[in-house]
Each structure stands twice: as structure tokens, then as C-alpha cells.
N, C-alpha and C. Protein backbone atom coordinates (compact mmCIF):
# COMPACT_ATOMS: atom_id res chain seq x y z
N MET A 1 129.50 101.35 -19.41
CA MET A 1 130.60 101.34 -20.25
C MET A 1 131.99 100.91 -18.69
N PRO A 2 132.65 99.25 -19.08
CA PRO A 2 133.49 99.93 -17.95
C PRO A 2 134.96 100.35 -18.52
N LEU A 3 135.56 101.47 -17.39
CA LEU A 3 137.03 101.92 -17.88
C LEU A 3 138.23 100.81 -18.17
N GLY A 4 138.35 100.25 -17.64
CA GLY A 4 139.77 99.30 -17.86
C GLY A 4 140.84 100.32 -18.35
N HIS A 5 141.71 100.07 -18.62
CA HIS A 5 142.93 100.03 -19.31
C HIS A 5 142.50 101.85 -20.52
N PRO A 6 142.92 102.65 -20.22
CA PRO A 6 142.68 103.82 -20.97
C PRO A 6 143.18 103.43 -22.62
N GLY A 7 144.09 102.50 -22.59
CA GLY A 7 144.53 102.15 -24.06
C GLY A 7 144.10 101.27 -25.82
N GLU A 8 142.63 100.60 -24.67
CA GLU A 8 141.63 99.65 -24.75
C GLU A 8 140.05 99.85 -25.06
N MET A 9 140.32 100.98 -24.46
CA MET A 9 138.14 102.15 -24.87
C MET A 9 137.74 102.66 -25.60
N PRO A 10 136.85 101.69 -26.12
CA PRO A 10 136.34 101.70 -27.41
C PRO A 10 135.83 103.13 -27.98
N ILE A 11 136.42 103.13 -29.27
CA ILE A 11 136.14 104.62 -29.67
C ILE A 11 134.76 104.98 -29.42
N ALA A 12 133.43 104.22 -29.40
CA ALA A 12 132.21 104.62 -29.30
C ALA A 12 132.07 105.16 -28.29
N ALA A 13 132.47 105.20 -26.56
CA ALA A 13 132.66 105.23 -25.71
C ALA A 13 133.15 106.65 -25.69
N LEU A 14 134.31 106.68 -26.28
CA LEU A 14 135.42 108.64 -26.09
C LEU A 14 134.09 109.28 -27.06
N GLU A 15 134.10 109.11 -27.68
CA GLU A 15 132.80 110.26 -28.34
C GLU A 15 131.27 110.13 -27.80
N LEU A 16 130.75 109.36 -27.35
CA LEU A 16 130.23 109.29 -25.61
C LEU A 16 130.47 110.02 -24.73
N ALA A 17 131.92 110.38 -24.62
CA ALA A 17 132.12 110.84 -22.95
C ALA A 17 132.20 112.19 -23.23
N ALA A 18 132.62 112.95 -25.15
CA ALA A 18 133.38 113.37 -25.64
C ALA A 18 131.61 114.96 -25.58
N HIS A 19 130.71 114.14 -25.37
CA HIS A 19 129.03 114.55 -26.72
C HIS A 19 128.15 114.33 -25.06
N CYS A 20 128.43 113.62 -23.76
CA CYS A 20 127.42 113.47 -23.13
C CYS A 20 127.14 113.62 -22.30
N SER A 21 126.08 114.77 -21.52
CA SER A 21 125.44 115.36 -20.28
C SER A 21 126.26 115.39 -19.36
N PHE A 22 126.10 113.88 -18.68
CA PHE A 22 126.65 113.34 -17.27
C PHE A 22 127.70 112.40 -17.55
N ILE A 23 128.72 111.87 -17.04
CA ILE A 23 129.21 110.74 -16.38
C ILE A 23 128.66 110.38 -15.56
N LEU A 24 128.33 109.37 -15.19
CA LEU A 24 128.37 108.67 -13.88
C LEU A 24 129.02 107.57 -13.47
N CYS A 25 129.65 108.25 -11.86
CA CYS A 25 130.95 107.24 -11.98
C CYS A 25 130.90 107.79 -10.40
N GLU A 26 132.04 106.36 -10.60
CA GLU A 26 131.66 105.82 -8.99
C GLU A 26 133.02 106.23 -8.08
N SER A 27 134.03 107.24 -8.77
CA SER A 27 135.37 108.04 -7.83
C SER A 27 135.23 108.59 -9.63
N LYS A 28 135.00 110.12 -8.72
CA LYS A 28 135.38 111.20 -10.51
C LYS A 28 136.89 111.34 -10.45
N ARG A 29 137.81 111.58 -9.76
CA ARG A 29 138.98 112.05 -9.82
C ARG A 29 139.28 110.36 -10.39
N GLY A 30 138.84 108.82 -10.15
CA GLY A 30 139.59 107.63 -11.25
C GLY A 30 138.70 107.98 -11.82
N ALA A 31 137.49 108.50 -12.52
CA ALA A 31 137.31 108.21 -14.01
C ALA A 31 137.91 109.58 -15.09
N GLN A 32 138.31 110.87 -14.75
CA GLN A 32 138.44 111.53 -15.30
C GLN A 32 139.95 111.40 -15.17
N SER A 33 140.39 110.36 -14.23
CA SER A 33 141.71 109.69 -14.51
C SER A 33 142.02 109.12 -15.84
N HIS A 34 141.06 108.53 -15.89
CA HIS A 34 141.18 106.83 -16.94
C HIS A 34 140.98 107.70 -18.13
N PHE A 35 139.95 108.92 -17.93
CA PHE A 35 139.76 109.84 -19.28
C PHE A 35 140.98 110.54 -20.64
N LYS A 36 141.45 111.30 -19.17
CA LYS A 36 142.61 111.86 -19.13
C LYS A 36 143.79 110.72 -20.24
N ARG A 37 144.11 109.97 -19.43
CA ARG A 37 145.07 108.96 -20.14
C ARG A 37 144.87 108.54 -21.54
N ALA A 38 143.41 108.46 -21.40
CA ALA A 38 143.30 107.97 -22.77
C ALA A 38 142.72 108.86 -23.91
N GLY A 39 143.58 109.96 -23.56
CA GLY A 39 143.14 111.69 -24.51
C GLY A 39 142.29 112.71 -24.13
N LEU A 40 140.95 112.50 -23.46
CA LEU A 40 140.20 113.18 -23.55
C LEU A 40 140.10 113.77 -22.54
N GLU A 41 140.04 115.60 -22.27
CA GLU A 41 140.54 116.88 -21.74
C GLU A 41 138.58 116.33 -21.06
N LEU A 42 138.12 116.11 -19.58
CA LEU A 42 136.10 116.82 -19.68
C LEU A 42 136.50 117.44 -18.53
N PRO A 43 135.17 118.34 -18.31
CA PRO A 43 135.25 119.94 -18.04
C PRO A 43 134.73 118.63 -15.92
N ASP A 44 135.40 119.52 -15.20
CA ASP A 44 134.72 118.86 -13.85
C ASP A 44 133.61 118.22 -13.43
N GLU A 45 132.34 119.17 -13.69
CA GLU A 45 131.51 119.92 -13.64
C GLU A 45 130.01 118.58 -14.67
N ARG A 46 131.17 117.88 -15.05
CA ARG A 46 130.34 116.38 -15.72
C ARG A 46 129.96 115.44 -15.65
N PHE A 47 131.23 114.93 -14.15
CA PHE A 47 131.08 113.76 -13.49
C PHE A 47 130.91 113.96 -11.73
N LEU A 48 129.98 113.41 -12.07
CA LEU A 48 128.63 113.65 -11.02
C LEU A 48 128.88 111.51 -10.40
N VAL A 49 129.50 111.81 -8.43
CA VAL A 49 129.39 110.63 -8.30
C VAL A 49 128.25 109.04 -7.68
N PHE A 50 128.45 108.75 -7.72
CA PHE A 50 127.00 107.77 -7.49
C PHE A 50 127.18 106.14 -6.49
N ASP A 51 127.51 106.29 -5.89
CA ASP A 51 128.25 105.24 -4.96
C ASP A 51 127.69 104.18 -3.88
N LYS A 52 127.83 103.49 -3.33
CA LYS A 52 127.70 102.61 -2.62
C LYS A 52 127.07 103.56 -1.19
N LYS A 53 126.62 105.00 -1.00
CA LYS A 53 126.73 105.71 0.03
C LYS A 53 125.48 106.67 -0.54
N THR A 54 125.20 106.57 -2.18
CA THR A 54 124.06 107.62 -2.91
C THR A 54 122.77 106.55 -1.99
N ASP A 55 122.50 107.43 -1.06
CA ASP A 55 120.17 106.54 -1.26
C ASP A 55 120.17 107.03 -1.95
N SER A 56 118.60 106.79 -1.71
CA SER A 56 116.94 106.79 -3.15
C SER A 56 117.05 108.08 -3.85
N VAL A 57 117.24 109.10 -1.76
CA VAL A 57 116.46 110.24 -1.96
C VAL A 57 117.31 111.41 -3.30
N GLN A 58 118.71 110.32 -3.57
CA GLN A 58 119.47 111.47 -4.32
C GLN A 58 119.73 111.32 -5.07
N TYR A 59 118.63 109.55 -5.27
CA TYR A 59 119.02 109.27 -6.95
C TYR A 59 117.92 110.00 -7.64
N GLN A 60 116.72 110.22 -6.86
CA GLN A 60 114.99 111.01 -7.17
C GLN A 60 115.60 112.12 -7.06
N GLN A 61 116.00 113.05 -6.79
CA GLN A 61 116.34 114.22 -6.34
C GLN A 61 117.16 114.31 -7.83
N PHE A 62 118.33 113.44 -8.82
CA PHE A 62 118.58 113.48 -9.57
C PHE A 62 117.85 113.39 -11.08
N LEU A 63 117.67 112.55 -10.37
CA LEU A 63 116.38 112.11 -12.36
C LEU A 63 114.77 113.17 -11.86
N ASP A 64 114.72 113.63 -10.45
CA ASP A 64 113.61 114.67 -11.52
C ASP A 64 114.15 115.45 -12.07
N GLU A 65 116.12 115.67 -12.36
CA GLU A 65 116.22 117.54 -12.68
C GLU A 65 116.56 116.73 -14.39
N LEU A 66 116.92 115.20 -14.75
CA LEU A 66 117.28 114.89 -15.89
C LEU A 66 115.91 115.31 -16.04
N ILE A 67 115.26 115.11 -15.94
CA ILE A 67 113.52 114.53 -16.47
C ILE A 67 112.78 116.11 -17.51
N ASN A 68 113.59 116.89 -16.11
CA ASN A 68 112.70 118.50 -16.44
C ASN A 68 114.06 118.91 -17.75
N LEU A 69 115.06 118.40 -17.46
CA LEU A 69 116.38 118.79 -18.70
C LEU A 69 115.85 118.23 -19.96
N SER A 70 115.44 117.13 -19.21
CA SER A 70 114.84 116.36 -21.15
C SER A 70 114.05 117.03 -21.80
N LEU A 71 113.16 118.00 -21.15
CA LEU A 71 111.50 118.60 -22.04
C LEU A 71 112.53 119.53 -22.54
N LYS A 72 113.99 120.13 -22.27
CA LYS A 72 114.09 121.24 -23.05
C LYS A 72 114.74 120.51 -23.67
N GLN A 73 115.88 120.02 -23.79
CA GLN A 73 116.89 118.99 -24.70
C GLN A 73 117.21 117.85 -24.84
N PRO A 74 117.95 117.15 -25.30
CA PRO A 74 118.41 115.80 -25.66
C PRO A 74 119.52 115.42 -23.66
N VAL A 75 119.14 114.65 -23.92
CA VAL A 75 119.93 113.57 -21.93
C VAL A 75 120.55 112.86 -22.43
N HIS A 76 121.95 112.55 -22.78
CA HIS A 76 123.08 111.40 -22.93
C HIS A 76 123.75 110.85 -21.27
N LEU A 77 123.37 110.06 -20.60
CA LEU A 77 123.91 110.11 -19.47
C LEU A 77 125.28 108.54 -20.01
N LEU A 78 126.40 108.89 -19.81
CA LEU A 78 127.57 107.65 -19.04
C LEU A 78 127.65 107.31 -17.85
N LEU A 79 126.98 105.69 -17.62
CA LEU A 79 127.24 105.03 -16.87
C LEU A 79 128.82 104.78 -16.64
N VAL A 80 129.81 104.86 -16.03
CA VAL A 80 130.79 104.23 -15.81
C VAL A 80 131.05 103.75 -14.66
N SER A 81 132.20 102.40 -14.66
CA SER A 81 133.39 101.52 -13.99
C SER A 81 134.22 101.93 -13.37
N ASP A 82 134.97 101.53 -12.20
CA ASP A 82 136.32 101.81 -12.27
C ASP A 82 136.88 100.73 -12.35
N ALA A 83 136.84 99.66 -12.40
CA ALA A 83 137.30 98.34 -13.21
C ALA A 83 136.36 97.44 -12.44
N GLY A 84 135.96 97.60 -14.21
CA GLY A 84 135.10 96.12 -14.88
C GLY A 84 133.77 96.65 -15.54
N MET A 85 133.03 94.94 -15.69
CA MET A 85 131.67 95.82 -16.32
C MET A 85 130.77 96.73 -15.43
N PRO A 86 129.92 97.98 -15.60
CA PRO A 86 128.92 98.29 -15.20
C PRO A 86 127.70 96.88 -14.82
N ILE A 87 127.14 96.56 -12.77
CA ILE A 87 126.28 96.08 -12.73
C ILE A 87 126.67 94.83 -12.63
N ILE A 88 127.73 93.88 -13.70
CA ILE A 88 129.00 92.40 -12.71
C ILE A 88 129.65 92.86 -11.42
N GLU A 89 128.74 93.01 -10.57
CA GLU A 89 129.22 92.53 -9.00
C GLU A 89 130.06 93.46 -9.19
N ASP A 90 129.28 95.51 -9.63
CA ASP A 90 129.70 96.45 -10.08
C ASP A 90 128.65 97.20 -9.26
N PRO A 91 128.83 98.40 -9.39
CA PRO A 91 127.62 99.09 -9.16
C PRO A 91 126.65 99.57 -10.29
N GLY A 92 125.04 100.32 -10.07
CA GLY A 92 125.28 100.69 -11.71
C GLY A 92 123.20 99.98 -11.99
N ALA A 93 123.57 99.19 -10.98
CA ALA A 93 121.52 98.30 -11.24
C ALA A 93 120.64 98.83 -10.71
N LYS A 94 120.74 100.29 -10.62
CA LYS A 94 119.52 101.43 -9.86
C LYS A 94 119.40 101.86 -10.98
N TRP A 95 120.47 102.37 -11.57
CA TRP A 95 120.58 103.10 -12.57
C TRP A 95 120.03 102.80 -13.82
N VAL A 96 119.86 101.54 -13.73
CA VAL A 96 118.86 100.88 -15.23
C VAL A 96 117.97 100.68 -15.08
N GLU A 97 117.88 100.34 -13.87
CA GLU A 97 115.72 100.17 -13.33
C GLU A 97 114.91 101.70 -13.49
N LEU A 98 115.79 102.76 -12.46
CA LEU A 98 115.82 104.29 -13.42
C LEU A 98 114.68 104.07 -14.64
N ALA A 99 116.16 103.72 -15.24
CA ALA A 99 116.22 104.65 -16.23
C ALA A 99 114.69 103.42 -17.40
N GLU A 100 114.37 102.80 -17.08
CA GLU A 100 114.15 101.93 -17.49
C GLU A 100 112.52 102.22 -17.45
N GLU A 101 112.29 103.00 -16.04
CA GLU A 101 110.78 103.02 -15.27
C GLU A 101 110.36 104.17 -16.02
N ASN A 102 111.92 105.25 -16.48
CA ASN A 102 111.02 107.10 -16.77
C ASN A 102 111.51 107.24 -18.64
N GLY A 103 111.47 106.10 -19.36
CA GLY A 103 111.14 106.22 -20.48
C GLY A 103 113.43 106.20 -21.28
N PHE A 104 113.52 105.54 -20.49
CA PHE A 104 114.59 106.88 -20.97
C PHE A 104 115.61 104.88 -22.37
N GLN A 105 116.24 105.24 -22.99
CA GLN A 105 116.62 104.70 -23.89
C GLN A 105 117.83 104.13 -23.07
N ILE A 106 118.40 102.32 -23.16
CA ILE A 106 119.96 102.29 -22.59
C ILE A 106 120.53 101.39 -23.58
N HIS A 107 121.72 101.59 -23.32
CA HIS A 107 122.23 101.25 -24.81
C HIS A 107 123.39 100.59 -24.10
N VAL A 108 123.95 100.09 -24.25
CA VAL A 108 125.63 98.46 -23.26
C VAL A 108 126.86 99.12 -24.53
N ILE A 109 127.80 99.28 -23.91
CA ILE A 109 129.04 99.70 -24.15
C ILE A 109 129.77 98.43 -23.78
N GLY A 110 130.08 97.24 -24.99
CA GLY A 110 130.38 96.40 -24.13
C GLY A 110 132.13 97.05 -23.72
N GLY A 111 133.29 96.20 -22.74
CA GLY A 111 134.02 96.26 -22.39
C GLY A 111 134.72 95.02 -22.15
N ALA A 112 135.76 95.44 -21.44
CA ALA A 112 136.87 94.69 -20.13
C ALA A 112 135.61 94.04 -19.05
N THR A 113 135.47 92.31 -18.71
CA THR A 113 134.76 91.74 -17.57
C THR A 113 135.65 91.19 -16.77
N ALA A 114 136.30 90.82 -16.12
CA ALA A 114 137.71 89.94 -15.85
C ALA A 114 136.45 88.12 -15.83
N ILE A 115 135.58 87.78 -15.22
CA ILE A 115 135.24 86.57 -15.37
C ILE A 115 135.50 85.87 -16.72
N THR A 116 135.00 87.41 -17.72
CA THR A 116 135.16 86.61 -19.44
C THR A 116 135.87 86.46 -19.31
N SER A 117 136.64 87.51 -19.04
CA SER A 117 138.33 87.87 -19.72
C SER A 117 139.92 86.34 -19.39
N ALA A 118 138.98 85.63 -18.25
CA ALA A 118 139.48 84.80 -17.10
C ALA A 118 139.63 83.65 -17.89
N ILE A 119 138.70 83.33 -18.23
CA ILE A 119 137.96 81.97 -19.06
C ILE A 119 138.87 82.36 -20.76
N ALA A 120 138.42 83.73 -21.72
CA ALA A 120 139.39 83.32 -22.31
C ALA A 120 140.87 82.82 -22.60
N ARG A 121 141.47 83.56 -21.14
CA ARG A 121 143.41 82.78 -20.77
C ARG A 121 142.97 81.74 -20.84
N ALA A 122 141.99 81.05 -19.85
CA ALA A 122 142.38 80.18 -19.32
C ALA A 122 141.61 78.62 -20.52
N GLY A 123 141.38 79.48 -21.27
CA GLY A 123 140.95 78.80 -22.66
C GLY A 123 139.88 77.18 -22.40
N LEU A 124 138.94 78.03 -21.43
CA LEU A 124 137.78 77.08 -20.90
C LEU A 124 137.17 77.36 -22.17
N ASN A 125 136.54 76.36 -22.92
CA ASN A 125 135.21 76.69 -24.32
C ASN A 125 134.40 76.15 -23.30
N GLY A 126 132.89 76.29 -23.27
CA GLY A 126 131.97 75.45 -22.81
C GLY A 126 130.86 76.96 -21.77
N PRO A 127 129.72 75.77 -21.14
CA PRO A 127 129.00 76.31 -20.30
C PRO A 127 129.47 77.28 -18.84
N PHE A 128 129.19 78.22 -18.41
CA PHE A 128 130.41 78.57 -16.78
C PHE A 128 129.05 79.23 -16.35
N THR A 129 129.45 79.13 -14.91
CA THR A 129 128.40 79.16 -13.50
C THR A 129 129.51 80.44 -13.54
N PHE A 130 128.83 81.73 -13.02
CA PHE A 130 129.96 82.77 -11.98
C PHE A 130 128.78 83.06 -10.60
N GLY A 131 129.58 83.48 -9.75
CA GLY A 131 129.34 83.30 -8.26
C GLY A 131 129.29 84.58 -7.68
N GLY A 132 129.57 85.81 -8.68
CA GLY A 132 129.85 86.96 -8.05
C GLY A 132 131.60 86.47 -6.60
N PHE A 133 131.14 87.24 -5.64
CA PHE A 133 131.77 87.16 -3.97
C PHE A 133 131.66 86.05 -3.64
N PRO A 134 132.39 85.15 -3.55
CA PRO A 134 131.77 84.44 -2.03
C PRO A 134 131.59 85.57 -0.44
N PRO A 135 130.72 84.82 0.14
CA PRO A 135 130.06 85.38 1.38
C PRO A 135 130.65 85.97 2.22
N ARG A 136 131.11 86.67 2.63
CA ARG A 136 131.98 86.92 4.37
C ARG A 136 131.90 85.77 5.42
N ASP A 137 130.26 85.77 5.82
CA ASP A 137 130.60 84.91 6.89
C ASP A 137 130.71 83.87 6.63
N LYS A 138 131.87 83.45 7.65
CA LYS A 138 132.28 81.64 7.72
C LYS A 138 131.05 81.07 7.64
N LYS A 139 130.06 80.45 8.40
CA LYS A 139 129.50 79.56 7.97
C LYS A 139 129.15 79.56 6.11
N ALA A 140 128.67 80.30 5.81
CA ALA A 140 127.87 80.77 4.62
C ALA A 140 129.42 80.42 3.47
N ARG A 141 130.63 80.93 3.68
CA ARG A 141 131.33 81.00 3.18
C ARG A 141 131.72 79.22 2.77
N ALA A 142 131.93 78.73 4.12
CA ALA A 142 132.51 77.05 4.39
C ALA A 142 131.47 76.58 2.59
N SER A 143 129.88 77.14 2.94
CA SER A 143 128.23 76.38 2.36
C SER A 143 129.83 76.62 0.78
N PHE A 144 129.30 78.08 -0.08
CA PHE A 144 129.49 78.56 -0.84
C PHE A 144 130.79 77.58 -1.52
N PHE A 145 132.22 76.94 -0.69
CA PHE A 145 132.75 76.18 -1.78
C PHE A 145 132.20 74.77 -1.62
N ALA A 146 132.24 74.79 -0.44
CA ALA A 146 131.53 72.92 -0.39
C ALA A 146 130.57 73.09 -1.55
N ALA A 147 129.80 74.08 -2.03
CA ALA A 147 128.46 73.96 -3.52
C ALA A 147 129.99 74.05 -5.01
N ILE A 148 130.57 74.64 -4.34
CA ILE A 148 131.16 74.53 -6.17
C ILE A 148 131.49 73.21 -6.53
N ALA A 149 131.74 72.23 -5.71
CA ALA A 149 132.22 70.83 -5.66
C ALA A 149 131.18 70.37 -7.04
N GLY A 150 130.02 70.71 -7.01
CA GLY A 150 128.51 70.63 -7.33
C GLY A 150 128.52 70.50 -8.56
N TYR A 151 128.53 71.23 -9.44
CA TYR A 151 128.96 71.77 -10.98
C TYR A 151 129.63 70.70 -11.72
N LYS A 152 129.05 70.39 -12.79
CA LYS A 152 129.62 69.53 -13.52
C LYS A 152 130.14 70.54 -14.74
N HIS A 153 129.94 71.99 -14.89
CA HIS A 153 130.92 72.52 -15.36
C HIS A 153 131.77 74.04 -15.15
N THR A 154 132.47 74.88 -15.33
CA THR A 154 133.04 75.61 -14.87
C THR A 154 132.20 77.09 -14.17
N PHE A 155 133.08 76.58 -13.23
CA PHE A 155 132.51 77.76 -12.08
C PHE A 155 133.36 79.16 -11.50
N GLY A 156 133.27 80.25 -11.98
CA GLY A 156 134.23 81.58 -11.51
C GLY A 156 133.66 82.44 -10.65
N PHE A 157 133.85 82.68 -10.47
CA PHE A 157 134.65 83.80 -8.63
C PHE A 157 135.41 84.73 -8.77
N TYR A 158 135.21 85.90 -7.95
CA TYR A 158 136.27 86.79 -7.55
C TYR A 158 136.17 86.52 -6.33
N GLU A 159 137.15 87.49 -5.73
CA GLU A 159 137.63 87.89 -4.43
C GLU A 159 138.35 89.26 -4.13
N ALA A 160 137.97 89.38 -3.52
CA ALA A 160 138.31 90.48 -2.74
C ALA A 160 140.24 91.10 -2.11
N PRO A 161 141.33 92.19 -2.40
CA PRO A 161 142.38 92.25 -2.74
C PRO A 161 142.95 91.01 -1.39
N HIS A 162 142.15 92.06 0.13
CA HIS A 162 142.44 91.18 0.98
C HIS A 162 141.83 90.02 1.33
N ARG A 163 141.01 89.28 0.57
CA ARG A 163 140.48 88.13 1.47
C ARG A 163 141.48 86.78 -0.26
N GLY A 164 142.38 87.03 -0.65
CA GLY A 164 142.40 86.49 -1.71
C GLY A 164 143.20 85.05 -1.10
N PRO A 165 144.58 86.00 -0.81
CA PRO A 165 144.89 85.27 0.01
C PRO A 165 144.76 84.39 0.61
N ASP A 166 143.72 84.09 1.23
CA ASP A 166 143.25 82.57 1.83
C ASP A 166 142.37 81.43 0.92
N VAL A 167 141.90 81.61 -0.25
CA VAL A 167 140.90 81.22 -0.91
C VAL A 167 141.60 80.20 -0.96
N PRO A 168 143.30 79.13 -1.25
CA PRO A 168 143.29 78.09 -1.66
C PRO A 168 143.40 77.59 -1.08
N ALA A 169 143.21 77.61 -0.12
CA ALA A 169 142.84 76.37 1.63
C ALA A 169 141.78 76.39 1.46
N GLU A 170 140.90 77.21 1.09
CA GLU A 170 139.38 77.02 1.59
C GLU A 170 139.06 76.26 0.37
N LEU A 171 139.39 76.43 -0.75
CA LEU A 171 139.07 75.37 -2.13
C LEU A 171 139.52 74.39 -1.89
N GLN A 172 140.43 74.09 -1.65
CA GLN A 172 141.66 72.99 -1.67
C GLN A 172 140.77 72.56 0.15
N ALA A 173 140.67 72.47 1.12
CA ALA A 173 139.91 71.91 1.47
C ALA A 173 137.98 71.43 0.89
N ALA A 174 137.50 71.89 0.72
CA ALA A 174 136.00 71.61 0.14
C ALA A 174 135.84 70.62 -1.56
N LEU A 175 136.84 70.63 -2.66
CA LEU A 175 137.33 70.62 -3.82
C LEU A 175 137.64 68.56 -3.71
N PRO A 176 136.95 67.97 -4.27
CA PRO A 176 137.86 66.33 -4.66
C PRO A 176 139.51 67.28 -4.78
N ALA A 177 140.50 65.90 -5.29
CA ALA A 177 141.21 66.43 -5.36
C ALA A 177 141.51 66.47 -6.37
N ARG A 178 140.66 65.71 -7.79
CA ARG A 178 140.66 65.85 -9.09
C ARG A 178 140.36 67.43 -9.33
N SER A 179 139.45 68.11 -9.14
CA SER A 179 139.94 69.16 -9.98
C SER A 179 141.01 69.69 -10.26
N ARG A 180 139.81 71.25 -10.68
CA ARG A 180 140.99 71.80 -11.30
C ARG A 180 140.75 72.98 -11.33
N VAL A 181 142.26 73.62 -10.87
CA VAL A 181 141.16 75.30 -10.66
C VAL A 181 142.53 76.36 -11.66
N PHE A 182 142.18 77.72 -12.17
CA PHE A 182 142.93 78.20 -13.09
C PHE A 182 142.92 80.02 -12.28
N VAL A 183 143.67 80.70 -11.44
CA VAL A 183 143.41 81.22 -11.25
C VAL A 183 144.49 82.67 -11.96
N ALA A 184 143.48 83.70 -11.83
CA ALA A 184 143.77 84.79 -12.16
C ALA A 184 144.39 86.27 -12.04
N VAL A 185 145.40 86.43 -11.55
CA VAL A 185 145.87 87.72 -10.74
C VAL A 185 146.37 88.78 -11.31
N ASP A 186 144.97 90.01 -10.81
CA ASP A 186 145.44 90.92 -11.12
C ASP A 186 145.81 91.34 -12.82
N MET A 187 144.40 91.39 -13.35
CA MET A 187 144.83 90.71 -15.24
C MET A 187 144.65 92.14 -15.54
N GLY A 188 146.19 92.13 -16.28
CA GLY A 188 145.77 93.95 -16.52
C GLY A 188 146.75 94.68 -16.44
N GLY A 189 147.01 94.66 -15.37
CA GLY A 189 147.98 95.32 -13.67
C GLY A 189 149.22 94.39 -14.31
N GLU A 190 150.25 95.31 -13.07
CA GLU A 190 151.75 95.06 -12.77
C GLU A 190 151.72 94.10 -12.62
N SER A 191 151.67 93.22 -11.46
CA SER A 191 151.89 92.28 -11.40
C SER A 191 150.82 91.36 -11.85
N GLU A 192 150.15 91.07 -12.87
CA GLU A 192 149.48 90.06 -13.68
C GLU A 192 150.19 88.94 -13.60
N ALA A 193 148.82 87.65 -13.12
CA ALA A 193 150.77 86.09 -12.80
C ALA A 193 148.85 84.99 -13.30
N PHE A 194 148.97 84.09 -13.60
CA PHE A 194 148.34 83.33 -13.78
C PHE A 194 148.89 82.11 -13.31
N HIS A 195 147.47 80.72 -12.94
CA HIS A 195 148.33 79.60 -12.25
C HIS A 195 147.05 78.64 -12.86
N ARG A 196 148.10 77.43 -13.12
CA ARG A 196 146.92 76.81 -13.14
C ARG A 196 146.77 75.11 -12.45
N LEU A 197 146.35 74.69 -11.64
CA LEU A 197 146.76 73.40 -10.85
C LEU A 197 146.08 72.42 -10.61
N LYS A 198 146.38 70.78 -9.88
CA LYS A 198 145.21 70.86 -9.27
C LYS A 198 144.66 71.51 -7.64
N ALA A 199 143.08 70.41 -7.03
CA ALA A 199 142.92 71.20 -6.11
C ALA A 199 144.21 70.53 -5.41
N SER A 200 144.25 69.17 -5.21
CA SER A 200 145.40 69.14 -4.39
C SER A 200 146.81 69.85 -3.87
N GLU A 201 146.96 70.97 -4.74
CA GLU A 201 147.96 71.93 -5.00
C GLU A 201 147.77 72.95 -4.32
N LEU A 202 146.74 73.77 -4.54
CA LEU A 202 146.49 75.06 -3.79
C LEU A 202 146.97 76.11 -2.74
N LYS A 203 147.32 74.63 -1.64
CA LYS A 203 148.16 74.90 -0.38
C LYS A 203 149.26 75.31 -0.66
N ARG A 204 149.83 75.37 -1.71
CA ARG A 204 151.15 76.04 -1.51
C ARG A 204 151.09 77.18 -2.74
N LEU A 205 149.90 77.48 -3.29
CA LEU A 205 150.24 78.96 -3.78
C LEU A 205 149.46 80.08 -3.60
N ARG A 206 150.53 81.45 -3.08
CA ARG A 206 150.70 82.21 -2.47
C ARG A 206 150.30 83.84 -3.32
N LEU A 207 148.98 83.77 -2.34
CA LEU A 207 148.44 84.72 -3.54
C LEU A 207 148.63 86.61 -2.99
N PRO A 208 149.56 87.72 -3.75
CA PRO A 208 149.53 88.79 -3.28
C PRO A 208 148.10 89.41 -2.89
N LYS A 209 148.30 90.41 -2.38
CA LYS A 209 146.73 90.93 -2.43
C LYS A 209 146.43 92.14 -3.43
N LYS A 210 146.29 91.30 -4.45
CA LYS A 210 145.12 91.32 -5.47
C LYS A 210 143.57 90.73 -5.69
N PRO A 211 143.02 91.86 -7.31
CA PRO A 211 142.26 91.09 -7.28
C PRO A 211 142.34 89.72 -8.59
N VAL A 212 141.61 89.02 -8.20
CA VAL A 212 142.31 87.76 -8.31
C VAL A 212 140.85 86.57 -9.09
N VAL A 213 140.76 86.08 -9.79
CA VAL A 213 139.45 85.83 -10.06
C VAL A 213 139.96 84.18 -10.14
N PHE A 214 139.10 83.55 -9.65
CA PHE A 214 139.09 81.49 -9.87
C PHE A 214 138.07 81.21 -10.80
N LEU A 215 138.66 80.11 -11.03
CA LEU A 215 138.04 79.06 -11.74
C LEU A 215 138.09 77.56 -11.81
N VAL A 216 137.53 76.89 -11.06
CA VAL A 216 136.53 75.91 -11.26
C VAL A 216 136.22 74.55 -12.47
N TYR A 217 137.19 73.16 -12.85
CA TYR A 217 136.40 73.24 -13.77
C TYR A 217 137.48 71.44 -14.02
């Protein structure tokens, strides 16, 4: 379940959070804050942090504890992501793998994900390809942008706040001048902004260091 904005949390998610055994999150403080603003006070011990630093030994130890606990009582886990949908360029894939391997049932609670929200806001109907985040390596990054020109349908991707301001110039150098680009900045945030431009106009776009989605069509 994506946390998104407190006022947008599905009722099913709040009900599950209120009664689940554990909440798996990237940041305990962030997750607690989101639920609190949604009107749900949850005990500290219910939150368990699993992030990029979590190794396979820690996953296995917790899994063993869950399996032992499930022999005594029903166990329900809620996997949440700070910003965006778990698995979709966010943590969570390892938990799905472990849950399936060990016979746990998995249910998805739908919610906000930046790529589909941006496409809806842009009014782009039809097929699209999601490219995730561009590579950091300079050569691989150039190849990533060059390949976008070959798509006949919408191509969308994210960029991190500190690299977002560099992308307009990179895209303009790689795309045909006639290409169209829709840029969604900080969706749902205080500095939310949207831009629709031709590729030839991209260099004049000045972006803040905020989460951003690019759609090329």
C-alpha cells in the first residue's frame, strides 16, 4: 500500500493498519506520521523498518519468527512505501518473493503511483512504457535518453530531485525537435507544477529539486 497523502488513504488500508500484526516500512517515523495525520494512532512496536540496508539474514530471521507466530495465531502484515506504490520503483519485491515461497496470501491495496497519476493529468490515453529511473553512469544515461526517441507511444520515467534539473537539457539533446514532453513536478506537494513543451523548448525549463515525472509522447 502506498502511503501517499493522509486524506487519500483507502478505508481498507486504515482498517488493516489498525488490526494488522506488523507494518513493514522504509521509515518508522515517516509511516507513523502519515497514519497519525490520517487519525490513526498506532503502537511503536508494530512498525518494523526494512530498507536498502536490510540484508538477507535479517529477512530470514524475521520470516522464521513470522512462521512460528503463524502456527499460534493469524498473522497479517501491511507493507507500506513512503512515497509511491511498493514494488513500482520502491522497496517491497523481496517481501513478495518470500511471502509466495512460504505460502502467505498477498493482497494489493491500490493507491497513488506517480507514473499513472502523471499520465492521467497529462490526458494521455493509450499504451505507455515505464522506464523507472535513468542510469547514473554518464554513458548509460546518454543511451537511455537516446533510446526514448525510438518509442512510438508514451515513454515515462522518474528522476531524483537532485538530478531532475539536468534532465531537460539531456532530453532536448536526444529527442527530435517535434517530440512532446509533459513534466509533472512534486505531484501532490506544495510546489506541484505541470509543464507541456516541445522538445526544442526544454532548455528553457528550470526545475526545482523536487520529485519529477517526465512523459515523452
